[in-house]
Amino acid sequence: MAKHFELAITDTSFSWQRKQAGINAEAALDGLYVIRTSLAKTQLDANAAVAAYKSLSQVERAFRSIKTVDLQVRPVFHYSASRVRAHVFLCMLAYYVEWHMRRCLKPMLFDDEFVKDTQATRPSAVAKAQRSAHAKNKDATRRADDRLSLHSFQTLLQDLATLTYNITHTALNPKAKIILTTRPTPLQEKAFKLLGVSLPRTQ
């Protein structure tokens, strides 16, 4: 706000006044923003430029996921440059895996599976984004097409984490190595199928 005021300070007085011309100039642009690009209009028209700018929200979501929500890259408890680089590399690799998992698991999440089709029908990139009819039905029923419960990515991982892998032995043969895995639920079965993972089972 300092740029909008002109101050007069002396040893015995203090006065101020608004810079009305500057205030009026900024008020005329309230609610407006300008996006500039170095690309020619034939390469990236105005609508595509706005769409590219708004897609930065996906980058912000990735940083949020890496830093706090899912992967928690910080705080970093390493004290050498090579170890910090290795730590960040592993977190980036983990996010890459998460990105692919989210794409495969969309039918089980509240994510909009037809977001590209909905975007294609928008009059412009400036228009408010809308969820597809399929996604709205997901929100209303909280069920997938096969009637199984929908999840957020975090709660789905929590559900999958209930599967166990146990190594045991018998009293008659203490050296025996017997592997027991819990039987997955229908929801867990679906998740592994979408991920293309074959899960061995013994129970």
N, C-alpha and C. Protein backbone atom coordinates (compact mmCIF):
# COMPACT_ATOMS: atom_id res chain seq x y z
N MET A 1 0.82 -1.21 0.00
CA MET A 1 0.00 0.00 0.00
C MET A 1 0.84 1.25 0.00
N ALA A 2 2.12 1.14 0.38
CA ALA A 2 2.95 2.33 0.53
C ALA A 2 3.03 3.15 -0.75
N LYS A 3 2.97 2.48 -1.89
CA LYS A 3 3.10 3.20 -3.16
C LYS A 3 1.93 4.14 -3.42
N HIS A 4 0.82 3.95 -2.70
CA HIS A 4 -0.36 4.79 -2.93
C HIS A 4 -0.43 6.01 -2.01
N PHE A 5 0.60 6.23 -1.21
CA PHE A 5 0.60 7.36 -0.28
C PHE A 5 1.88 8.17 -0.40
N GLU A 6 1.72 9.47 -0.27
CA GLU A 6 2.86 10.38 -0.26
C GLU A 6 2.99 10.93 1.15
N LEU A 7 4.14 10.69 1.77
CA LEU A 7 4.37 11.09 3.16
C LEU A 7 5.24 12.33 3.23
N ALA A 8 4.94 13.17 4.21
CA ALA A 8 5.76 14.36 4.49
C ALA A 8 6.11 14.33 5.97
N ILE A 9 7.38 14.07 6.27
CA ILE A 9 7.81 13.94 7.66
C ILE A 9 8.90 14.97 7.95
N THR A 10 8.67 15.77 8.98
CA THR A 10 9.67 16.74 9.44
C THR A 10 9.95 16.48 10.91
N ASP A 11 10.79 17.32 11.50
CA ASP A 11 11.10 17.16 12.92
C ASP A 11 9.90 17.42 13.81
N THR A 12 8.96 18.19 13.30
CA THR A 12 7.82 18.59 14.15
C THR A 12 6.46 18.20 13.59
N SER A 13 6.43 17.57 12.41
CA SER A 13 5.12 17.28 11.82
C SER A 13 5.17 16.01 10.97
N PHE A 14 3.98 15.51 10.76
CA PHE A 14 3.80 14.35 9.88
C PHE A 14 2.49 14.52 9.12
N SER A 15 2.52 14.41 7.82
CA SER A 15 1.30 14.50 7.03
C SER A 15 1.40 13.52 5.87
N TRP A 16 0.24 13.18 5.34
CA TRP A 16 0.20 12.25 4.23
C TRP A 16 -0.98 12.57 3.33
N GLN A 17 -0.87 12.12 2.11
CA GLN A 17 -1.99 12.25 1.16
C GLN A 17 -1.94 11.12 0.16
N ARG A 18 -3.11 10.77 -0.35
CA ARG A 18 -3.19 9.68 -1.32
C ARG A 18 -2.67 10.12 -2.68
N LYS A 19 -2.06 9.19 -3.39
CA LYS A 19 -1.68 9.41 -4.78
C LYS A 19 -2.85 8.93 -5.62
N GLN A 20 -3.82 9.80 -5.78
CA GLN A 20 -5.11 9.40 -6.36
C GLN A 20 -4.99 8.92 -7.80
N ALA A 21 -4.09 9.51 -8.56
CA ALA A 21 -3.94 9.10 -9.96
C ALA A 21 -3.52 7.63 -10.05
N GLY A 22 -2.57 7.22 -9.23
CA GLY A 22 -2.13 5.84 -9.23
C GLY A 22 -3.21 4.89 -8.73
N ILE A 23 -3.96 5.35 -7.71
CA ILE A 23 -5.04 4.53 -7.18
C ILE A 23 -6.10 4.30 -8.23
N ASN A 24 -6.46 5.37 -8.96
CA ASN A 24 -7.47 5.24 -10.02
C ASN A 24 -7.01 4.32 -11.14
N ALA A 25 -5.72 4.40 -11.48
CA ALA A 25 -5.18 3.56 -12.55
C ALA A 25 -5.24 2.08 -12.17
N GLU A 26 -4.92 1.74 -10.91
CA GLU A 26 -4.98 0.35 -10.49
C GLU A 26 -6.41 -0.12 -10.32
N ALA A 27 -7.30 0.78 -9.87
CA ALA A 27 -8.71 0.41 -9.70
C ALA A 27 -9.34 0.02 -11.03
N ALA A 28 -8.87 0.64 -12.11
CA ALA A 28 -9.41 0.33 -13.44
C ALA A 28 -9.05 -1.09 -13.88
N LEU A 29 -8.02 -1.66 -13.25
CA LEU A 29 -7.57 -3.00 -13.63
C LEU A 29 -7.94 -4.05 -12.59
N ASP A 30 -8.72 -3.68 -11.59
CA ASP A 30 -9.11 -4.64 -10.56
C ASP A 30 -9.81 -5.85 -11.19
N GLY A 31 -9.40 -7.06 -10.79
CA GLY A 31 -10.02 -8.27 -11.30
C GLY A 31 -9.51 -8.71 -12.65
N LEU A 32 -8.54 -8.00 -13.21
CA LEU A 32 -7.98 -8.34 -14.52
C LEU A 32 -6.53 -8.76 -14.37
N TYR A 33 -6.09 -9.66 -15.23
CA TYR A 33 -4.68 -10.01 -15.27
C TYR A 33 -4.28 -10.22 -16.73
N VAL A 34 -3.00 -10.02 -16.99
CA VAL A 34 -2.48 -10.13 -18.36
C VAL A 34 -1.41 -11.23 -18.39
N ILE A 35 -1.51 -12.08 -19.38
CA ILE A 35 -0.53 -13.15 -19.57
C ILE A 35 0.25 -12.85 -20.84
N ARG A 36 1.57 -12.79 -20.71
CA ARG A 36 2.43 -12.54 -21.86
C ARG A 36 3.23 -13.80 -22.17
N THR A 37 3.44 -14.04 -23.44
CA THR A 37 4.24 -15.19 -23.86
C THR A 37 5.15 -14.77 -25.01
N SER A 38 6.28 -15.42 -25.11
CA SER A 38 7.22 -15.12 -26.19
C SER A 38 6.89 -15.88 -27.47
N LEU A 39 5.89 -16.77 -27.40
CA LEU A 39 5.52 -17.56 -28.58
C LEU A 39 4.61 -16.75 -29.50
N ALA A 40 4.71 -17.04 -30.78
CA ALA A 40 3.85 -16.38 -31.76
C ALA A 40 2.41 -16.89 -31.63
N LYS A 41 1.45 -16.10 -32.09
CA LYS A 41 0.05 -16.47 -32.00
C LYS A 41 -0.24 -17.76 -32.77
N THR A 42 0.53 -18.00 -33.83
CA THR A 42 0.31 -19.23 -34.60
C THR A 42 0.74 -20.47 -33.82
N GLN A 43 1.64 -20.29 -32.86
CA GLN A 43 2.10 -21.40 -32.04
C GLN A 43 1.25 -21.59 -30.78
N LEU A 44 0.77 -20.47 -30.22
CA LEU A 44 0.01 -20.52 -28.97
C LEU A 44 -0.95 -19.33 -28.96
N ASP A 45 -2.22 -19.62 -29.24
CA ASP A 45 -3.18 -18.52 -29.27
C ASP A 45 -3.55 -18.10 -27.85
N ALA A 46 -4.37 -17.07 -27.73
CA ALA A 46 -4.71 -16.50 -26.42
C ALA A 46 -5.35 -17.53 -25.50
N ASN A 47 -6.29 -18.30 -26.03
CA ASN A 47 -6.98 -19.28 -25.20
C ASN A 47 -6.03 -20.36 -24.69
N ALA A 48 -5.12 -20.81 -25.56
CA ALA A 48 -4.15 -21.83 -25.16
C ALA A 48 -3.16 -21.28 -24.14
N ALA A 49 -2.82 -19.99 -24.26
CA ALA A 49 -1.90 -19.37 -23.31
C ALA A 49 -2.53 -19.34 -21.91
N VAL A 50 -3.81 -18.98 -21.85
CA VAL A 50 -4.51 -18.95 -20.56
C VAL A 50 -4.61 -20.36 -19.98
N ALA A 51 -4.92 -21.34 -20.84
CA ALA A 51 -5.03 -22.72 -20.38
C ALA A 51 -3.69 -23.22 -19.82
N ALA A 52 -2.58 -22.85 -20.49
CA ALA A 52 -1.26 -23.25 -20.02
C ALA A 52 -0.96 -22.61 -18.67
N TYR A 53 -1.34 -21.35 -18.52
CA TYR A 53 -1.12 -20.65 -17.25
C TYR A 53 -1.91 -21.31 -16.12
N LYS A 54 -3.16 -21.64 -16.39
CA LYS A 54 -4.01 -22.25 -15.36
C LYS A 54 -3.56 -23.67 -15.02
N SER A 55 -2.88 -24.32 -15.95
CA SER A 55 -2.41 -25.68 -15.68
C SER A 55 -1.28 -25.69 -14.66
N LEU A 56 -0.75 -24.51 -14.32
CA LEU A 56 0.29 -24.44 -13.29
C LEU A 56 -0.25 -24.94 -11.94
N SER A 57 -1.57 -24.97 -11.79
CA SER A 57 -2.15 -25.48 -10.55
C SER A 57 -1.75 -26.93 -10.32
N GLN A 58 -1.51 -27.67 -11.41
CA GLN A 58 -1.08 -29.05 -11.27
C GLN A 58 0.35 -29.13 -10.72
N VAL A 59 1.17 -28.15 -11.12
CA VAL A 59 2.54 -28.08 -10.59
C VAL A 59 2.49 -27.76 -9.10
N GLU A 60 1.63 -26.81 -8.72
CA GLU A 60 1.50 -26.44 -7.31
C GLU A 60 1.00 -27.64 -6.49
N ARG A 61 0.08 -28.41 -7.06
CA ARG A 61 -0.42 -29.60 -6.37
C ARG A 61 0.69 -30.62 -6.18
N ALA A 62 1.55 -30.75 -7.20
CA ALA A 62 2.67 -31.70 -7.10
C ALA A 62 3.62 -31.29 -5.99
N PHE A 63 3.95 -29.99 -5.92
CA PHE A 63 4.84 -29.51 -4.86
C PHE A 63 4.22 -29.73 -3.49
N ARG A 64 2.91 -29.49 -3.37
CA ARG A 64 2.23 -29.68 -2.09
C ARG A 64 2.26 -31.16 -1.70
N SER A 65 2.06 -32.02 -2.67
CA SER A 65 2.08 -33.45 -2.40
C SER A 65 3.47 -33.90 -1.96
N ILE A 66 4.49 -33.39 -2.63
CA ILE A 66 5.85 -33.79 -2.31
C ILE A 66 6.28 -33.26 -0.94
N LYS A 67 5.92 -32.01 -0.64
CA LYS A 67 6.40 -31.37 0.59
C LYS A 67 5.65 -31.83 1.83
N THR A 68 4.33 -32.00 1.72
CA THR A 68 3.55 -32.22 2.93
C THR A 68 2.60 -33.42 2.86
N VAL A 69 1.67 -33.41 1.93
CA VAL A 69 0.52 -34.31 2.00
C VAL A 69 0.90 -35.77 1.93
N ASP A 70 1.64 -36.16 0.90
CA ASP A 70 1.88 -37.59 0.66
C ASP A 70 3.32 -38.02 0.97
N LEU A 71 4.28 -37.31 0.39
CA LEU A 71 5.65 -37.80 0.42
C LEU A 71 6.51 -37.14 1.49
N GLN A 72 6.14 -35.94 1.92
CA GLN A 72 6.81 -35.25 3.02
C GLN A 72 8.31 -35.18 2.83
N VAL A 73 8.72 -34.50 1.75
CA VAL A 73 10.14 -34.35 1.45
C VAL A 73 10.85 -33.52 2.52
N ARG A 74 10.10 -32.67 3.23
CA ARG A 74 10.71 -31.87 4.29
C ARG A 74 10.13 -32.26 5.63
N PRO A 75 10.87 -32.07 6.73
CA PRO A 75 12.25 -31.56 6.78
C PRO A 75 13.26 -32.60 6.29
N VAL A 76 14.42 -32.11 5.86
CA VAL A 76 15.47 -32.97 5.33
C VAL A 76 16.53 -33.16 6.41
N PHE A 77 16.70 -34.39 6.86
CA PHE A 77 17.68 -34.66 7.90
C PHE A 77 18.99 -35.19 7.30
N HIS A 78 19.48 -34.49 6.31
CA HIS A 78 20.77 -34.84 5.70
C HIS A 78 21.66 -33.60 5.72
N TYR A 79 22.95 -33.83 5.78
CA TYR A 79 23.87 -32.71 5.96
C TYR A 79 24.95 -32.62 4.90
N SER A 80 24.89 -33.45 3.89
CA SER A 80 25.85 -33.34 2.79
C SER A 80 25.07 -33.14 1.50
N ALA A 81 25.69 -32.45 0.56
CA ALA A 81 25.02 -32.11 -0.70
C ALA A 81 24.58 -33.36 -1.46
N SER A 82 25.42 -34.38 -1.48
CA SER A 82 25.09 -35.59 -2.23
C SER A 82 23.88 -36.30 -1.62
N ARG A 83 23.79 -36.32 -0.30
CA ARG A 83 22.66 -36.98 0.35
C ARG A 83 21.37 -36.19 0.17
N VAL A 84 21.46 -34.88 0.20
CA VAL A 84 20.26 -34.05 -0.04
C VAL A 84 19.75 -34.28 -1.46
N ARG A 85 20.68 -34.29 -2.43
CA ARG A 85 20.29 -34.54 -3.83
C ARG A 85 19.64 -35.92 -3.97
N ALA A 86 20.22 -36.93 -3.30
CA ALA A 86 19.66 -38.27 -3.37
C ALA A 86 18.27 -38.32 -2.75
N HIS A 87 18.09 -37.61 -1.64
CA HIS A 87 16.79 -37.57 -0.96
C HIS A 87 15.73 -36.94 -1.86
N VAL A 88 16.06 -35.81 -2.45
CA VAL A 88 15.12 -35.12 -3.33
C VAL A 88 14.83 -35.96 -4.57
N PHE A 89 15.86 -36.61 -5.11
CA PHE A 89 15.67 -37.48 -6.28
C PHE A 89 14.68 -38.61 -5.96
N LEU A 90 14.83 -39.25 -4.81
CA LEU A 90 13.94 -40.34 -4.42
C LEU A 90 12.51 -39.84 -4.23
N CYS A 91 12.37 -38.62 -3.69
CA CYS A 91 11.02 -38.05 -3.52
C CYS A 91 10.39 -37.75 -4.87
N MET A 92 11.18 -37.23 -5.80
CA MET A 92 10.66 -36.98 -7.14
C MET A 92 10.27 -38.29 -7.82
N LEU A 93 11.09 -39.32 -7.64
CA LEU A 93 10.79 -40.63 -8.21
C LEU A 93 9.50 -41.19 -7.60
N ALA A 94 9.34 -40.99 -6.28
CA ALA A 94 8.13 -41.46 -5.61
C ALA A 94 6.91 -40.73 -6.14
N TYR A 95 7.05 -39.42 -6.39
CA TYR A 95 5.90 -38.69 -6.92
C TYR A 95 5.56 -39.16 -8.34
N TYR A 96 6.58 -39.50 -9.12
CA TYR A 96 6.35 -40.02 -10.46
C TYR A 96 5.53 -41.31 -10.39
N VAL A 97 5.87 -42.17 -9.44
CA VAL A 97 5.11 -43.41 -9.24
C VAL A 97 3.68 -43.07 -8.81
N GLU A 98 3.55 -42.10 -7.88
CA GLU A 98 2.22 -41.70 -7.41
C GLU A 98 1.37 -41.16 -8.57
N TRP A 99 1.98 -40.37 -9.44
CA TRP A 99 1.26 -39.79 -10.58
C TRP A 99 0.67 -40.90 -11.46
N HIS A 100 1.49 -41.93 -11.73
CA HIS A 100 1.01 -43.05 -12.54
C HIS A 100 -0.08 -43.82 -11.80
N MET A 101 0.08 -44.00 -10.49
CA MET A 101 -0.93 -44.71 -9.71
C MET A 101 -2.26 -43.97 -9.74
N ARG A 102 -2.22 -42.66 -9.60
CA ARG A 102 -3.46 -41.86 -9.63
C ARG A 102 -4.18 -42.03 -10.96
N ARG A 103 -3.42 -42.05 -12.05
CA ARG A 103 -4.04 -42.22 -13.37
C ARG A 103 -4.71 -43.58 -13.48
N CYS A 104 -4.04 -44.62 -13.00
CA CYS A 104 -4.61 -45.97 -13.09
C CYS A 104 -5.81 -46.15 -12.18
N LEU A 105 -5.77 -45.50 -11.01
CA LEU A 105 -6.79 -45.71 -9.99
C LEU A 105 -7.97 -44.75 -10.08
N LYS A 106 -8.02 -43.93 -11.12
CA LYS A 106 -9.09 -42.94 -11.24
C LYS A 106 -10.49 -43.52 -11.06
N PRO A 107 -10.80 -44.71 -11.60
CA PRO A 107 -12.15 -45.26 -11.42
C PRO A 107 -12.51 -45.51 -9.96
N MET A 108 -11.51 -45.56 -9.07
CA MET A 108 -11.77 -45.80 -7.65
C MET A 108 -11.72 -44.53 -6.82
N LEU A 109 -11.34 -43.42 -7.46
CA LEU A 109 -11.18 -42.14 -6.76
C LEU A 109 -12.29 -41.19 -7.15
N PHE A 110 -12.38 -40.09 -6.43
CA PHE A 110 -13.35 -39.06 -6.76
C PHE A 110 -12.90 -38.22 -7.96
N ASP A 111 -11.73 -38.50 -8.50
CA ASP A 111 -11.20 -37.76 -9.64
C ASP A 111 -12.14 -37.88 -10.84
N ASP A 112 -12.17 -36.81 -11.64
CA ASP A 112 -12.99 -36.79 -12.85
C ASP A 112 -12.27 -37.57 -13.95
N GLU A 113 -12.89 -38.65 -14.40
CA GLU A 113 -12.29 -39.49 -15.43
C GLU A 113 -12.43 -38.91 -16.83
N PHE A 114 -13.33 -37.93 -16.99
CA PHE A 114 -13.60 -37.36 -18.31
C PHE A 114 -13.33 -35.87 -18.34
N VAL A 115 -12.32 -35.45 -17.58
CA VAL A 115 -12.01 -34.03 -17.46
C VAL A 115 -11.61 -33.42 -18.81
N LYS A 116 -10.90 -34.19 -19.65
CA LYS A 116 -10.49 -33.66 -20.95
C LYS A 116 -11.69 -33.42 -21.86
N ASP A 117 -12.67 -34.31 -21.82
CA ASP A 117 -13.87 -34.12 -22.63
C ASP A 117 -14.64 -32.89 -22.17
N THR A 118 -14.71 -32.68 -20.86
CA THR A 118 -15.42 -31.52 -20.33
C THR A 118 -14.71 -30.24 -20.69
N GLN A 119 -13.37 -30.25 -20.62
CA GLN A 119 -12.59 -29.06 -20.98
C GLN A 119 -12.78 -28.70 -22.45
N ALA A 120 -12.93 -29.72 -23.28
CA ALA A 120 -13.07 -29.48 -24.73
C ALA A 120 -14.36 -28.74 -25.05
N THR A 121 -15.37 -28.85 -24.18
CA THR A 121 -16.65 -28.19 -24.44
C THR A 121 -16.73 -26.80 -23.82
N ARG A 122 -15.71 -26.39 -23.08
CA ARG A 122 -15.73 -25.06 -22.46
C ARG A 122 -15.58 -24.00 -23.54
N PRO A 123 -16.33 -22.90 -23.44
CA PRO A 123 -16.22 -21.85 -24.46
C PRO A 123 -14.85 -21.20 -24.50
N SER A 124 -14.17 -21.13 -23.36
CA SER A 124 -12.82 -20.59 -23.30
C SER A 124 -12.15 -21.07 -22.02
N ALA A 125 -10.83 -20.90 -21.97
CA ALA A 125 -10.09 -21.33 -20.79
C ALA A 125 -10.41 -20.48 -19.58
N VAL A 126 -10.98 -19.29 -19.82
CA VAL A 126 -11.32 -18.39 -18.73
C VAL A 126 -12.61 -18.84 -18.02
N ALA A 127 -13.47 -19.53 -18.74
CA ALA A 127 -14.75 -19.97 -18.17
C ALA A 127 -14.50 -20.93 -17.01
N LYS A 128 -15.41 -20.92 -16.05
CA LYS A 128 -15.29 -21.77 -14.87
C LYS A 128 -15.26 -23.23 -15.26
N ALA A 129 -14.31 -23.97 -14.68
CA ALA A 129 -14.20 -25.39 -14.98
C ALA A 129 -15.39 -26.14 -14.39
N GLN A 130 -15.87 -27.12 -15.13
CA GLN A 130 -17.01 -27.92 -14.70
C GLN A 130 -16.62 -29.39 -14.62
N ARG A 131 -17.20 -30.09 -13.66
CA ARG A 131 -17.00 -31.53 -13.58
C ARG A 131 -17.96 -32.22 -14.53
N SER A 132 -17.56 -33.36 -15.07
CA SER A 132 -18.41 -34.09 -16.00
C SER A 132 -19.61 -34.66 -15.26
N ALA A 133 -20.63 -35.06 -16.02
CA ALA A 133 -21.82 -35.67 -15.42
C ALA A 133 -21.45 -36.94 -14.66
N HIS A 134 -20.49 -37.68 -15.19
CA HIS A 134 -20.03 -38.90 -14.53
C HIS A 134 -19.41 -38.59 -13.17
N ALA A 135 -18.59 -37.53 -13.12
CA ALA A 135 -17.95 -37.14 -11.86
C ALA A 135 -18.97 -36.63 -10.85
N LYS A 136 -19.98 -35.89 -11.34
CA LYS A 136 -21.03 -35.41 -10.44
C LYS A 136 -21.81 -36.57 -9.84
N ASN A 137 -22.01 -37.62 -10.64
CA ASN A 137 -22.69 -38.81 -10.13
C ASN A 137 -21.84 -39.50 -9.07
N LYS A 138 -20.51 -39.49 -9.27
CA LYS A 138 -19.60 -40.02 -8.26
C LYS A 138 -19.77 -39.26 -6.95
N ASP A 139 -19.80 -37.93 -7.06
CA ASP A 139 -19.92 -37.09 -5.85
C ASP A 139 -21.23 -37.37 -5.12
N ALA A 140 -22.30 -37.56 -5.89
CA ALA A 140 -23.63 -37.73 -5.29
C ALA A 140 -23.79 -39.10 -4.64
N THR A 141 -23.28 -40.15 -5.29
CA THR A 141 -23.50 -41.51 -4.79
C THR A 141 -22.36 -42.03 -3.93
N ARG A 142 -21.17 -41.41 -4.11
CA ARG A 142 -19.96 -41.87 -3.43
C ARG A 142 -19.65 -43.33 -3.77
N ARG A 143 -20.08 -43.72 -4.98
CA ARG A 143 -19.86 -45.08 -5.45
C ARG A 143 -19.28 -45.07 -6.85
N ALA A 144 -18.47 -46.09 -7.14
CA ALA A 144 -17.95 -46.27 -8.49
C ALA A 144 -19.00 -46.95 -9.36
N ASP A 145 -18.68 -47.15 -10.62
CA ASP A 145 -19.64 -47.78 -11.54
C ASP A 145 -20.01 -49.18 -11.09
N ASP A 146 -19.09 -49.88 -10.41
CA ASP A 146 -19.39 -51.24 -9.93
C ASP A 146 -19.96 -51.24 -8.51
N ARG A 147 -20.33 -50.05 -8.02
CA ARG A 147 -20.98 -49.85 -6.71
C ARG A 147 -20.03 -49.99 -5.53
N LEU A 148 -18.74 -50.17 -5.76
CA LEU A 148 -17.80 -50.17 -4.65
C LEU A 148 -17.58 -48.73 -4.18
N SER A 149 -17.21 -48.57 -2.91
CA SER A 149 -17.02 -47.23 -2.34
C SER A 149 -15.87 -46.51 -3.03
N LEU A 150 -16.04 -45.18 -3.17
CA LEU A 150 -14.97 -44.36 -3.71
C LEU A 150 -14.06 -43.89 -2.58
N HIS A 151 -12.85 -43.50 -2.96
CA HIS A 151 -11.85 -43.07 -1.98
C HIS A 151 -11.12 -41.84 -2.48
N SER A 152 -10.47 -41.16 -1.55
CA SER A 152 -9.41 -40.24 -1.94
C SER A 152 -8.15 -41.09 -2.11
N PHE A 153 -7.12 -40.53 -2.70
CA PHE A 153 -5.89 -41.32 -2.89
C PHE A 153 -5.32 -41.75 -1.55
N GLN A 154 -5.37 -40.85 -0.55
CA GLN A 154 -4.81 -41.15 0.76
C GLN A 154 -5.59 -42.27 1.46
N THR A 155 -6.93 -42.21 1.44
CA THR A 155 -7.70 -43.24 2.15
C THR A 155 -7.62 -44.58 1.43
N LEU A 156 -7.43 -44.56 0.11
CA LEU A 156 -7.27 -45.82 -0.61
C LEU A 156 -5.96 -46.49 -0.21
N LEU A 157 -4.90 -45.70 -0.09
CA LEU A 157 -3.62 -46.26 0.35
C LEU A 157 -3.73 -46.83 1.77
N GLN A 158 -4.49 -46.14 2.62
CA GLN A 158 -4.69 -46.64 3.99
C GLN A 158 -5.41 -47.99 3.96
N ASP A 159 -6.38 -48.13 3.06
CA ASP A 159 -7.10 -49.39 2.94
C ASP A 159 -6.17 -50.50 2.45
N LEU A 160 -5.36 -50.18 1.45
CA LEU A 160 -4.42 -51.18 0.91
C LEU A 160 -3.37 -51.57 1.95
N ALA A 161 -3.08 -50.67 2.88
CA ALA A 161 -2.06 -50.94 3.89
C ALA A 161 -2.50 -51.98 4.91
N THR A 162 -3.77 -52.36 4.89
CA THR A 162 -4.25 -53.37 5.84
C THR A 162 -3.86 -54.79 5.41
N LEU A 163 -3.41 -54.94 4.18
CA LEU A 163 -2.92 -56.26 3.73
C LEU A 163 -1.61 -56.57 4.46
N THR A 164 -1.43 -57.81 4.84
CA THR A 164 -0.22 -58.18 5.58
C THR A 164 0.51 -59.33 4.89
N TYR A 165 1.80 -59.38 5.14
CA TYR A 165 2.69 -60.42 4.61
C TYR A 165 3.42 -61.00 5.81
N ASN A 166 3.10 -62.22 6.17
CA ASN A 166 3.66 -62.83 7.37
C ASN A 166 4.54 -64.01 7.03
N ILE A 167 5.64 -64.14 7.76
CA ILE A 167 6.53 -65.30 7.64
C ILE A 167 6.50 -66.03 8.98
N THR A 168 6.13 -67.29 8.95
CA THR A 168 5.99 -68.05 10.20
C THR A 168 6.57 -69.45 10.03
N HIS A 169 6.43 -70.25 11.06
CA HIS A 169 6.91 -71.63 11.02
C HIS A 169 6.04 -72.46 11.96
N THR A 170 6.22 -73.77 11.92
CA THR A 170 5.46 -74.67 12.79
C THR A 170 6.34 -75.13 13.95
N ALA A 171 5.68 -75.59 14.99
CA ALA A 171 6.43 -76.09 16.15
C ALA A 171 7.23 -77.34 15.79
N LEU A 172 6.69 -78.15 14.86
CA LEU A 172 7.38 -79.37 14.45
C LEU A 172 8.61 -79.09 13.62
N ASN A 173 8.58 -77.97 12.89
CA ASN A 173 9.72 -77.62 12.03
C ASN A 173 10.01 -76.12 12.15
N PRO A 174 10.72 -75.73 13.20
CA PRO A 174 11.01 -74.31 13.43
C PRO A 174 11.78 -73.65 12.30
N LYS A 175 12.50 -74.43 11.50
CA LYS A 175 13.28 -73.87 10.41
C LYS A 175 12.46 -73.67 9.14
N ALA A 176 11.24 -74.14 9.16
CA ALA A 176 10.39 -73.98 7.97
C ALA A 176 10.02 -72.52 7.79
N LYS A 177 9.97 -72.11 6.56
CA LYS A 177 9.59 -70.73 6.23
C LYS A 177 8.24 -70.76 5.53
N ILE A 178 7.19 -70.40 6.27
CA ILE A 178 5.84 -70.42 5.72
C ILE A 178 5.36 -68.98 5.54
N ILE A 179 5.02 -68.64 4.32
CA ILE A 179 4.58 -67.27 4.00
C ILE A 179 3.06 -67.23 3.95
N LEU A 180 2.49 -66.33 4.71
CA LEU A 180 1.04 -66.15 4.74
C LEU A 180 0.69 -64.72 4.35
N THR A 181 -0.16 -64.57 3.37
CA THR A 181 -0.64 -63.23 2.98
C THR A 181 -2.15 -63.20 3.15
N THR A 182 -2.64 -62.07 3.60
CA THR A 182 -4.08 -61.95 3.81
C THR A 182 -4.83 -61.91 2.49
N ARG A 183 -6.07 -62.38 2.54
CA ARG A 183 -6.90 -62.37 1.33
C ARG A 183 -7.41 -60.95 1.09
N PRO A 184 -7.18 -60.39 -0.10
CA PRO A 184 -7.63 -59.01 -0.37
C PRO A 184 -9.15 -58.92 -0.46
N THR A 185 -9.67 -57.77 -0.07
CA THR A 185 -11.10 -57.50 -0.21
C THR A 185 -11.41 -57.21 -1.68
N PRO A 186 -12.69 -57.19 -2.07
CA PRO A 186 -13.02 -56.83 -3.46
C PRO A 186 -12.46 -55.49 -3.88
N LEU A 187 -12.45 -54.52 -2.96
CA LEU A 187 -11.91 -53.21 -3.29
C LEU A 187 -10.41 -53.29 -3.53
N GLN A 188 -9.71 -54.03 -2.67
CA GLN A 188 -8.27 -54.19 -2.85
C GLN A 188 -7.96 -54.97 -4.13
N GLU A 189 -8.76 -55.98 -4.43
CA GLU A 189 -8.60 -56.73 -5.68
C GLU A 189 -8.69 -55.80 -6.88
N LYS A 190 -9.68 -54.90 -6.85
CA LYS A 190 -9.87 -53.98 -7.96
C LYS A 190 -8.67 -53.06 -8.11
N ALA A 191 -8.16 -52.56 -6.98
CA ALA A 191 -7.01 -51.64 -7.03
C ALA A 191 -5.80 -52.31 -7.67
N PHE A 192 -5.50 -53.53 -7.25
CA PHE A 192 -4.34 -54.23 -7.81
C PHE A 192 -4.55 -54.57 -9.28
N LYS A 193 -5.78 -54.85 -9.66
CA LYS A 193 -6.06 -55.14 -11.06
C LYS A 193 -5.84 -53.90 -11.92
N LEU A 194 -6.30 -52.74 -11.44
CA LEU A 194 -6.10 -51.49 -12.18
C LEU A 194 -4.62 -51.13 -12.29
N LEU A 195 -3.86 -51.48 -11.25
CA LEU A 195 -2.43 -51.19 -11.25
C LEU A 195 -1.63 -52.23 -12.03
N GLY A 196 -2.30 -53.32 -12.42
CA GLY A 196 -1.60 -54.37 -13.14
C GLY A 196 -0.66 -55.16 -12.26
N VAL A 197 -1.02 -55.28 -10.97
CA VAL A 197 -0.17 -55.99 -10.01
C VAL A 197 -0.80 -57.33 -9.68
N SER A 198 -0.01 -58.40 -9.74
CA SER A 198 -0.49 -59.72 -9.37
C SER A 198 -0.14 -59.96 -7.91
N LEU A 199 -1.16 -60.22 -7.10
CA LEU A 199 -0.96 -60.36 -5.66
C LEU A 199 -1.06 -61.83 -5.26
N PRO A 200 0.03 -62.42 -4.76
CA PRO A 200 -0.06 -63.81 -4.29
C PRO A 200 -0.89 -63.88 -3.02
N ARG A 201 -1.56 -64.99 -2.81
CA ARG A 201 -2.37 -65.14 -1.61
C ARG A 201 -2.26 -66.57 -1.08
N THR A 202 -2.36 -66.68 0.23
CA THR A 202 -2.32 -68.00 0.85
C THR A 202 -3.51 -68.21 1.78
N GLN A 203 -4.34 -67.19 1.96
CA GLN A 203 -5.50 -67.33 2.85
C GLN A 203 -6.77 -67.00 2.09
